[in-house]
Full PDB file with SEQRES, HELIX, SHEET, SSBOND, CRYST1, ORIGX, SCALE, CONECT and MASTER records, all heavy atoms in Angstrom:
SEQRES   1 A   32  TYR ILE LYS GLN GLU GLY VAL ASN MET PRO ILE LYS GLU          
SEQRES   2 A   32  LEU LYS GLY PHE LYS ARG ILE HIS LEU LYS LYS GLY GLU          
SEQRES   3 A   32  GLN GLN ASN LEU THR PHE                                      
CRYST1    1.000    1.000    1.000  90.00  90.00  90.00 P 1           1          
ORIGX1      1.000000  0.000000  0.000000        0.00000                         
ORIGX2      0.000000  1.000000  0.000000        0.00000                         
ORIGX3      0.000000  0.000000  1.000000        0.00000                         
SCALE1      1.000000  0.000000  0.000000        0.00000                         
SCALE2      0.000000  1.000000  0.000000        0.00000                         
SCALE3      0.000000  0.000000  1.000000        0.00000                         
ATOM      1  N   TYR A   1      30.381  36.476 132.474  1.00  0.00           N  
ATOM      2  CA  TYR A   1      31.802  36.494 132.730  1.00  0.00           C  
ATOM      3  C   TYR A   1      32.532  35.598 131.647  1.00  0.00           C  
ATOM      4  O   TYR A   1      31.917  34.689 131.075  1.00  0.00           O  
ATOM      5  CB  TYR A   1      32.127  35.939 134.173  1.00  0.00           C  
ATOM      6  CG  TYR A   1      31.595  36.839 135.138  1.00  0.00           C  
ATOM      7  CD1 TYR A   1      30.270  36.599 135.756  1.00  0.00           C  
ATOM      8  CD2 TYR A   1      32.337  37.857 135.817  1.00  0.00           C  
ATOM      9  CE1 TYR A   1      29.754  37.417 136.753  1.00  0.00           C  
ATOM     10  CE2 TYR A   1      31.913  38.611 136.914  1.00  0.00           C  
ATOM     11  CZ  TYR A   1      30.516  38.419 137.347  1.00  0.00           C  
ATOM     12  OH  TYR A   1      30.057  39.165 138.302  1.00  0.00           O  
ATOM     13  N   ILE A   2      33.816  35.860 131.389  1.00  0.00           N  
ATOM     14  CA  ILE A   2      34.598  35.002 130.652  1.00  0.00           C  
ATOM     15  C   ILE A   2      35.882  34.649 131.438  1.00  0.00           C  
ATOM     16  O   ILE A   2      36.311  35.385 132.301  1.00  0.00           O  
ATOM     17  CB  ILE A   2      34.942  35.640 129.242  1.00  0.00           C  
ATOM     18  CG1 ILE A   2      35.680  36.935 129.542  1.00  0.00           C  
ATOM     19  CG2 ILE A   2      33.782  35.956 128.508  1.00  0.00           C  
ATOM     20  CD1 ILE A   2      37.198  36.848 129.064  1.00  0.00           C  
ATOM     21  N   LYS A   3      36.351  33.432 131.106  1.00  0.00           N  
ATOM     22  CA  LYS A   3      37.614  32.956 131.604  1.00  0.00           C  
ATOM     23  C   LYS A   3      38.416  32.464 130.621  1.00  0.00           C  
ATOM     24  O   LYS A   3      38.075  31.540 129.897  1.00  0.00           O  
ATOM     25  CB  LYS A   3      37.424  31.858 132.671  1.00  0.00           C  
ATOM     26  CG  LYS A   3      38.733  31.272 133.288  1.00  0.00           C  
ATOM     27  CD  LYS A   3      38.562  30.251 134.377  1.00  0.00           C  
ATOM     28  CE  LYS A   3      39.804  29.636 134.825  1.00  0.00           C  
ATOM     29  NZ  LYS A   3      40.878  30.576 135.076  1.00  0.00           N  
ATOM     30  N   GLN A   4      39.550  33.154 130.232  1.00  0.00           N  
ATOM     31  CA  GLN A   4      40.319  32.791 129.068  1.00  0.00           C  
ATOM     32  C   GLN A   4      41.580  31.946 129.551  1.00  0.00           C  
ATOM     33  O   GLN A   4      42.181  32.395 130.583  1.00  0.00           O  
ATOM     34  CB  GLN A   4      40.882  33.934 128.267  1.00  0.00           C  
ATOM     35  CG  GLN A   4      41.628  33.508 126.998  1.00  0.00           C  
ATOM     36  CD  GLN A   4      41.851  34.611 125.976  1.00  0.00           C  
ATOM     37  OE1 GLN A   4      41.385  35.748 126.161  1.00  0.00           O  
ATOM     38  NE2 GLN A   4      42.591  34.376 124.935  1.00  0.00           N  
ATOM     39  N   GLU A   5      41.811  30.783 128.878  1.00  0.00           N  
ATOM     40  CA  GLU A   5      42.984  30.065 129.332  1.00  0.00           C  
ATOM     41  C   GLU A   5      44.242  30.800 128.939  1.00  0.00           C  
ATOM     42  O   GLU A   5      44.301  31.529 127.928  1.00  0.00           O  
ATOM     43  CB  GLU A   5      42.904  28.671 128.549  1.00  0.00           C  
ATOM     44  CG  GLU A   5      41.859  27.678 128.984  1.00  0.00           C  
ATOM     45  CD  GLU A   5      41.902  26.413 128.409  1.00  0.00           C  
ATOM     46  OE1 GLU A   5      42.899  26.175 127.629  1.00  0.00           O  
ATOM     47  OE2 GLU A   5      40.968  25.586 128.597  1.00  0.00           O  
ATOM     48  N   GLY A   6      45.237  30.554 129.659  1.00  0.00           N  
ATOM     49  CA  GLY A   6      46.586  31.190 129.435  1.00  0.00           C  
ATOM     50  C   GLY A   6      47.260  31.599 130.691  1.00  0.00           C  
ATOM     51  O   GLY A   6      46.786  31.699 131.770  1.00  0.00           O  
ATOM     52  N   VAL A   7      48.514  32.022 130.445  1.00  0.00           N  
ATOM     53  CA  VAL A   7      49.360  32.478 131.577  1.00  0.00           C  
ATOM     54  C   VAL A   7      48.965  33.898 131.967  1.00  0.00           C  
ATOM     55  O   VAL A   7      48.751  34.789 131.171  1.00  0.00           O  
ATOM     56  CB  VAL A   7      50.923  32.366 131.184  1.00  0.00           C  
ATOM     57  CG1 VAL A   7      51.729  32.784 132.312  1.00  0.00           C  
ATOM     58  CG2 VAL A   7      51.262  30.967 130.773  1.00  0.00           C  
ATOM     59  N   ASN A   8      48.875  34.165 133.278  1.00  0.00           N  
ATOM     60  CA  ASN A   8      48.632  35.562 133.836  1.00  0.00           C  
ATOM     61  C   ASN A   8      47.332  35.998 133.473  1.00  0.00           C  
ATOM     62  O   ASN A   8      47.050  37.250 133.565  1.00  0.00           O  
ATOM     63  CB  ASN A   8      49.796  36.560 133.378  1.00  0.00           C  
ATOM     64  CG  ASN A   8      51.145  36.222 133.812  1.00  0.00           C  
ATOM     65  OD1 ASN A   8      51.335  35.758 135.005  1.00  0.00           O  
ATOM     66  ND2 ASN A   8      52.103  36.352 132.931  1.00  0.00           N  
ATOM     67  N   MET A   9      46.329  35.179 133.131  1.00  0.00           N  
ATOM     68  CA  MET A   9      44.965  35.616 132.797  1.00  0.00           C  
ATOM     69  C   MET A   9      44.290  35.820 134.162  1.00  0.00           C  
ATOM     70  O   MET A   9      44.467  35.036 135.083  1.00  0.00           O  
ATOM     71  CB  MET A   9      44.281  34.562 131.857  1.00  0.00           C  
ATOM     72  CG  MET A   9      44.796  34.526 130.502  1.00  0.00           C  
ATOM     73  SD  MET A   9      44.422  36.052 129.543  1.00  0.00           S  
ATOM     74  CE  MET A   9      45.061  35.571 128.051  1.00  0.00           C  
ATOM     75  N   PRO A  10      43.277  36.723 134.132  1.00  0.00           N  
ATOM     76  CA  PRO A  10      42.371  36.904 135.353  1.00  0.00           C  
ATOM     77  C   PRO A  10      41.606  35.615 135.634  1.00  0.00           C  
ATOM     78  O   PRO A  10      41.405  34.802 134.654  1.00  0.00           O  
ATOM     79  CB  PRO A  10      41.552  38.032 135.043  1.00  0.00           C  
ATOM     80  CG  PRO A  10      42.210  38.811 133.953  1.00  0.00           C  
ATOM     81  CD  PRO A  10      43.023  37.729 133.202  1.00  0.00           C  
ATOM     82  N   ILE A  11      41.221  35.336 136.769  1.00  0.00           N  
ATOM     83  CA  ILE A  11      40.405  34.170 137.168  1.00  0.00           C  
ATOM     84  C   ILE A  11      39.106  34.211 136.409  1.00  0.00           C  
ATOM     85  O   ILE A  11      38.674  33.239 135.793  1.00  0.00           O  
ATOM     86  CB  ILE A  11      40.026  34.160 138.745  1.00  0.00           C  
ATOM     87  CG1 ILE A  11      41.342  34.000 139.445  1.00  0.00           C  
ATOM     88  CG2 ILE A  11      39.064  33.163 139.068  1.00  0.00           C  
ATOM     89  CD1 ILE A  11      41.303  34.273 140.916  1.00  0.00           C  
ATOM     90  N   LYS A  12      38.540  35.439 136.306  1.00  0.00           N  
ATOM     91  CA  LYS A  12      37.345  35.612 135.490  1.00  0.00           C  
ATOM     92  C   LYS A  12      37.164  37.164 135.234  1.00  0.00           C  
ATOM     93  O   LYS A  12      37.796  37.949 135.966  1.00  0.00           O  
ATOM     94  CB  LYS A  12      36.098  35.006 136.079  1.00  0.00           C  
ATOM     95  CG  LYS A  12      35.641  35.539 137.412  1.00  0.00           C  
ATOM     96  CD  LYS A  12      34.398  34.684 137.869  1.00  0.00           C  
ATOM     97  CE  LYS A  12      34.889  33.413 138.323  1.00  0.00           C  
ATOM     98  NZ  LYS A  12      33.858  32.656 139.184  1.00  0.00           N  
ATOM     99  N   GLU A  13      36.367  37.559 134.224  1.00  0.00           N  
ATOM    100  CA  GLU A  13      36.192  38.938 133.845  1.00  0.00           C  
ATOM    101  C   GLU A  13      34.777  39.237 133.499  1.00  0.00           C  
ATOM    102  O   GLU A  13      34.244  38.522 132.664  1.00  0.00           O  
ATOM    103  CB  GLU A  13      37.165  39.349 132.752  1.00  0.00           C  
ATOM    104  CG  GLU A  13      38.546  39.126 133.000  1.00  0.00           C  
ATOM    105  CD  GLU A  13      39.338  39.284 131.753  1.00  0.00           C  
ATOM    106  OE1 GLU A  13      39.563  40.355 131.349  1.00  0.00           O  
ATOM    107  OE2 GLU A  13      39.660  38.340 131.042  1.00  0.00           O  
ATOM    108  N   LEU A  14      34.177  40.242 134.111  1.00  0.00           N  
ATOM    109  CA  LEU A  14      32.877  40.675 133.666  1.00  0.00           C  
ATOM    110  C   LEU A  14      32.937  41.243 132.283  1.00  0.00           C  
ATOM    111  O   LEU A  14      33.649  42.125 131.868  1.00  0.00           O  
ATOM    112  CB  LEU A  14      32.352  41.704 134.625  1.00  0.00           C  
ATOM    113  CG  LEU A  14      30.860  42.254 134.436  1.00  0.00           C  
ATOM    114  CD1 LEU A  14      29.901  41.163 134.759  1.00  0.00           C  
ATOM    115  CD2 LEU A  14      30.651  43.543 135.267  1.00  0.00           C  
ATOM    116  N   LYS A  15      31.979  40.713 131.396  1.00  0.00           N  
ATOM    117  CA  LYS A  15      31.913  41.277 129.951  1.00  0.00           C  
ATOM    118  C   LYS A  15      30.562  41.656 129.581  1.00  0.00           C  
ATOM    119  O   LYS A  15      30.193  41.953 128.452  1.00  0.00           O  
ATOM    120  CB  LYS A  15      32.516  40.185 129.073  1.00  0.00           C  
ATOM    121  CG  LYS A  15      33.956  40.064 129.216  1.00  0.00           C  
ATOM    122  CD  LYS A  15      34.810  41.289 128.780  1.00  0.00           C  
ATOM    123  CE  LYS A  15      36.353  41.148 128.996  1.00  0.00           C  
ATOM    124  NZ  LYS A  15      37.005  42.469 128.703  1.00  0.00           N  
ATOM    125  N   GLY A  16      29.609  41.550 130.479  1.00  0.00           N  
ATOM    126  CA  GLY A  16      28.156  41.955 130.265  1.00  0.00           C  
ATOM    127  C   GLY A  16      27.259  41.831 131.450  1.00  0.00           C  
ATOM    128  O   GLY A  16      27.540  41.084 132.326  1.00  0.00           O  
ATOM    129  N   PHE A  17      26.248  42.663 131.523  1.00  0.00           N  
ATOM    130  CA  PHE A  17      25.240  42.567 132.554  1.00  0.00           C  
ATOM    131  C   PHE A  17      23.948  43.168 132.098  1.00  0.00           C  
ATOM    132  O   PHE A  17      24.065  44.152 131.311  1.00  0.00           O  
ATOM    133  CB  PHE A  17      25.837  43.219 133.773  1.00  0.00           C  
ATOM    134  CG  PHE A  17      26.182  44.735 133.653  1.00  0.00           C  
ATOM    135  CD1 PHE A  17      25.203  45.711 133.912  1.00  0.00           C  
ATOM    136  CD2 PHE A  17      27.449  45.132 133.301  1.00  0.00           C  
ATOM    137  CE1 PHE A  17      25.597  46.958 133.676  1.00  0.00           C  
ATOM    138  CE2 PHE A  17      27.738  46.453 133.147  1.00  0.00           C  
ATOM    139  CZ  PHE A  17      26.841  47.355 133.336  1.00  0.00           C  
ATOM    140  N   LYS A  18      22.891  42.724 132.560  1.00  0.00           N  
ATOM    141  CA  LYS A  18      21.579  43.215 132.205  1.00  0.00           C  
ATOM    142  C   LYS A  18      20.690  43.157 133.560  1.00  0.00           C  
ATOM    143  O   LYS A  18      20.621  42.034 134.188  1.00  0.00           O  
ATOM    144  CB  LYS A  18      20.932  42.454 131.153  1.00  0.00           C  
ATOM    145  CG  LYS A  18      21.456  42.754 129.801  1.00  0.00           C  
ATOM    146  CD  LYS A  18      20.705  41.804 128.766  1.00  0.00           C  
ATOM    147  CE  LYS A  18      21.410  41.742 127.398  1.00  0.00           C  
ATOM    148  NZ  LYS A  18      21.035  42.925 126.587  1.00  0.00           N  
ATOM    149  N   ARG A  19      20.148  44.310 133.852  1.00  0.00           N  
ATOM    150  CA  ARG A  19      19.130  44.244 134.988  1.00  0.00           C  
ATOM    151  C   ARG A  19      17.813  44.171 134.425  1.00  0.00           C  
ATOM    152  O   ARG A  19      17.266  45.006 133.688  1.00  0.00           O  
ATOM    153  CB  ARG A  19      19.293  45.565 135.855  1.00  0.00           C  
ATOM    154  CG  ARG A  19      18.296  45.508 136.998  1.00  0.00           C  
ATOM    155  CD  ARG A  19      18.735  46.590 138.064  1.00  0.00           C  
ATOM    156  NE  ARG A  19      17.813  46.630 139.224  1.00  0.00           N  
ATOM    157  CZ  ARG A  19      18.124  46.833 140.386  1.00  0.00           C  
ATOM    158  NH1 ARG A  19      19.398  47.082 140.741  1.00  0.00           N  
ATOM    159  NH2 ARG A  19      17.320  46.765 141.473  1.00  0.00           N  
ATOM    160  N   ILE A  20      17.150  42.966 134.735  1.00  0.00           N  
ATOM    161  CA  ILE A  20      15.741  42.708 134.024  1.00  0.00           C  
ATOM    162  C   ILE A  20      14.715  42.622 135.189  1.00  0.00           C  
ATOM    163  O   ILE A  20      14.902  41.992 136.248  1.00  0.00           O  
ATOM    164  CB  ILE A  20      15.906  41.306 133.393  1.00  0.00           C  
ATOM    165  CG1 ILE A  20      17.115  41.270 132.417  1.00  0.00           C  
ATOM    166  CG2 ILE A  20      14.539  40.926 132.665  1.00  0.00           C  
ATOM    167  CD1 ILE A  20      16.895  42.269 131.240  1.00  0.00           C  
ATOM    168  N   HIS A  21      13.534  43.252 134.891  1.00  0.00           N  
ATOM    169  CA  HIS A  21      12.457  43.113 135.777  1.00  0.00           C  
ATOM    170  C   HIS A  21      11.406  42.007 135.200  1.00  0.00           C  
ATOM    171  O   HIS A  21      10.972  41.959 134.082  1.00  0.00           O  
ATOM    172  CB  HIS A  21      11.670  44.402 135.894  1.00  0.00           C  
ATOM    173  CG  HIS A  21      10.596  44.293 136.911  1.00  0.00           C  
ATOM    174  ND1 HIS A  21      10.662  44.377 138.258  1.00  0.00           N  
ATOM    175  CD2 HIS A  21       9.179  44.251 136.598  1.00  0.00           C  
ATOM    176  CE1 HIS A  21       9.507  44.244 138.843  1.00  0.00           C  
ATOM    177  NE2 HIS A  21       8.551  44.188 137.890  1.00  0.00           N  
ATOM    178  N   LEU A  22      11.048  41.045 136.186  1.00  0.00           N  
ATOM    179  CA  LEU A  22      10.211  39.954 135.744  1.00  0.00           C  
ATOM    180  C   LEU A  22       9.142  39.850 136.880  1.00  0.00           C  
ATOM    181  O   LEU A  22       9.347  39.751 138.046  1.00  0.00           O  
ATOM    182  CB  LEU A  22      10.767  38.666 135.642  1.00  0.00           C  
ATOM    183  CG  LEU A  22      11.878  38.470 134.509  1.00  0.00           C  
ATOM    184  CD1 LEU A  22      12.437  37.106 134.572  1.00  0.00           C  
ATOM    185  CD2 LEU A  22      11.268  38.715 133.095  1.00  0.00           C  
ATOM    186  N   LYS A  23       7.771  39.760 136.402  1.00  0.00           N  
ATOM    187  CA  LYS A  23       6.788  39.520 137.346  1.00  0.00           C  
ATOM    188  C   LYS A  23       6.815  38.009 137.664  1.00  0.00           C  
ATOM    189  O   LYS A  23       7.467  37.257 137.020  1.00  0.00           O  
ATOM    190  CB  LYS A  23       5.358  39.932 136.699  1.00  0.00           C  
ATOM    191  CG  LYS A  23       5.194  41.333 136.333  1.00  0.00           C  
ATOM    192  CD  LYS A  23       3.794  41.501 135.861  1.00  0.00           C  
ATOM    193  CE  LYS A  23       3.558  43.004 135.382  1.00  0.00           C  
ATOM    194  NZ  LYS A  23       3.805  43.918 136.510  1.00  0.00           N  
ATOM    195  N   LYS A  24       6.231  37.714 138.847  1.00  0.00           N  
ATOM    196  CA  LYS A  24       6.259  36.286 139.293  1.00  0.00           C  
ATOM    197  C   LYS A  24       5.679  35.412 138.145  1.00  0.00           C  
ATOM    198  O   LYS A  24       4.613  35.725 137.666  1.00  0.00           O  
ATOM    199  CB  LYS A  24       5.691  36.087 140.589  1.00  0.00           C  
ATOM    200  CG  LYS A  24       4.262  36.405 140.673  1.00  0.00           C  
ATOM    201  CD  LYS A  24       3.721  36.149 142.163  1.00  0.00           C  
ATOM    202  CE  LYS A  24       2.215  36.422 142.177  1.00  0.00           C  
ATOM    203  NZ  LYS A  24       1.713  36.228 143.611  1.00  0.00           N  
ATOM    204  N   GLY A  25       6.415  34.350 137.862  1.00  0.00           N  
ATOM    205  CA  GLY A  25       6.028  33.462 136.768  1.00  0.00           C  
ATOM    206  C   GLY A  25       6.463  33.825 135.288  1.00  0.00           C  
ATOM    207  O   GLY A  25       6.197  33.119 134.457  1.00  0.00           O  
ATOM    208  N   GLU A  26       6.874  35.142 135.200  1.00  0.00           N  
ATOM    209  CA  GLU A  26       7.133  35.624 133.953  1.00  0.00           C  
ATOM    210  C   GLU A  26       8.549  35.006 133.315  1.00  0.00           C  
ATOM    211  O   GLU A  26       9.422  34.775 134.289  1.00  0.00           O  
ATOM    212  CB  GLU A  26       7.229  37.082 133.936  1.00  0.00           C  
ATOM    213  CG  GLU A  26       7.467  37.748 132.496  1.00  0.00           C  
ATOM    214  CD  GLU A  26       7.595  39.221 132.565  1.00  0.00           C  
ATOM    215  OE1 GLU A  26       7.391  39.864 133.561  1.00  0.00           O  
ATOM    216  OE2 GLU A  26       7.853  39.757 131.424  1.00  0.00           O  
ATOM    217  N   GLN A  27       8.628  34.801 132.124  1.00  0.00           N  
ATOM    218  CA  GLN A  27       9.867  34.304 131.515  1.00  0.00           C  
ATOM    219  C   GLN A  27      10.283  35.149 130.356  1.00  0.00           C  
ATOM    220  O   GLN A  27       9.365  35.842 129.678  1.00  0.00           O  
ATOM    221  CB  GLN A  27       9.561  32.938 130.990  1.00  0.00           C  
ATOM    222  CG  GLN A  27      10.915  32.254 130.321  1.00  0.00           C  
ATOM    223  CD  GLN A  27      10.750  30.744 130.247  1.00  0.00           C  
ATOM    224  OE1 GLN A  27      10.041  30.166 130.944  1.00  0.00           O  
ATOM    225  NE2 GLN A  27      11.351  30.152 129.111  1.00  0.00           N  
ATOM    226  N   GLN A  28      11.612  35.413 130.194  1.00  0.00           N  
ATOM    227  CA  GLN A  28      12.050  36.297 129.040  1.00  0.00           C  
ATOM    228  C   GLN A  28      13.329  35.729 128.447  1.00  0.00           C  
ATOM    229  O   GLN A  28      14.063  35.216 129.192  1.00  0.00           O  
ATOM    230  CB  GLN A  28      12.246  37.779 129.664  1.00  0.00           C  
ATOM    231  CG  GLN A  28      12.560  38.774 128.663  1.00  0.00           C  
ATOM    232  CD  GLN A  28      12.716  40.194 129.271  1.00  0.00           C  
ATOM    233  OE1 GLN A  28      11.892  40.497 130.211  1.00  0.00           O  
ATOM    234  NE2 GLN A  28      13.471  41.028 128.750  1.00  0.00           N  
ATOM    235  N   ASN A  29      13.507  35.949 127.169  1.00  0.00           N  
ATOM    236  CA  ASN A  29      14.691  35.584 126.574  1.00  0.00           C  
ATOM    237  C   ASN A  29      15.591  36.705 126.382  1.00  0.00           C  
ATOM    238  O   ASN A  29      15.226  37.756 126.143  1.00  0.00           O  
ATOM    239  CB  ASN A  29      14.363  35.025 125.025  1.00  0.00           C  
ATOM    240  CG  ASN A  29      13.601  33.789 125.142  1.00  0.00           C  
ATOM    241  OD1 ASN A  29      13.815  32.865 125.966  1.00  0.00           O  
ATOM    242  ND2 ASN A  29      12.669  33.623 124.161  1.00  0.00           N  
ATOM    243  N   LEU A  30      16.983  36.503 126.832  1.00  0.00           N  
ATOM    244  CA  LEU A  30      17.893  37.609 126.753  1.00  0.00           C  
ATOM    245  C   LEU A  30      18.960  37.264 125.739  1.00  0.00           C  
ATOM    246  O   LEU A  30      19.313  36.108 125.517  1.00  0.00           O  
ATOM    247  CB  LEU A  30      18.578  37.657 128.113  1.00  0.00           C  
ATOM    248  CG  LEU A  30      17.671  37.834 129.360  1.00  0.00           C  
ATOM    249  CD1 LEU A  30      18.388  37.979 130.621  1.00  0.00           C  
ATOM    250  CD2 LEU A  30      16.732  39.082 129.242  1.00  0.00           C  
ATOM    251  N   THR A  31      19.513  38.302 125.201  1.00  0.00           N  
ATOM    252  CA  THR A  31      20.684  38.240 124.297  1.00  0.00           C  
ATOM    253  C   THR A  31      21.892  39.112 124.689  1.00  0.00           C  
ATOM    254  O   THR A  31      21.637  40.244 125.031  1.00  0.00           O  
ATOM    255  CB  THR A  31      20.279  38.646 122.772  1.00  0.00           C  
ATOM    256  OG1 THR A  31      19.168  37.767 122.461  1.00  0.00           O  
ATOM    257  CG2 THR A  31      21.347  38.445 121.808  1.00  0.00           C  
ATOM    258  N   PHE A  32      23.022  38.520 124.641  1.00  0.00           N  
ATOM    259  CA  PHE A  32      24.250  39.299 124.793  1.00  0.00           C  
ATOM    260  C   PHE A  32      25.107  39.149 123.507  1.00  0.00           C  
ATOM    261  O   PHE A  32      24.915  38.204 122.657  1.00  0.00           O  
ATOM    262  CB  PHE A  32      25.104  38.728 125.982  1.00  0.00           C  
ATOM    263  CG  PHE A  32      24.566  39.032 127.293  1.00  0.00           C  
ATOM    264  CD1 PHE A  32      23.678  38.062 127.936  1.00  0.00           C  
ATOM    265  CD2 PHE A  32      24.919  40.127 127.999  1.00  0.00           C  
ATOM    266  CE1 PHE A  32      23.184  38.357 129.192  1.00  0.00           C  
ATOM    267  CE2 PHE A  32      24.445  40.376 129.317  1.00  0.00           C  
ATOM    268  CZ  PHE A  32      23.476  39.557 129.909  1.00  0.00           C  
TER     269      PHE A  32                                                      
MASTER        0    0    0    0    0    0    0    6  268    1    0    3          
END                                                                             
């Protein structure tokens, strides 16, 4: 999400999402 300062701006806005599958204990690096 992003929140831009300014008058009449939304509280926050979705700008990216990823559904990731991880096995227990697994770690992954993500990039947006």
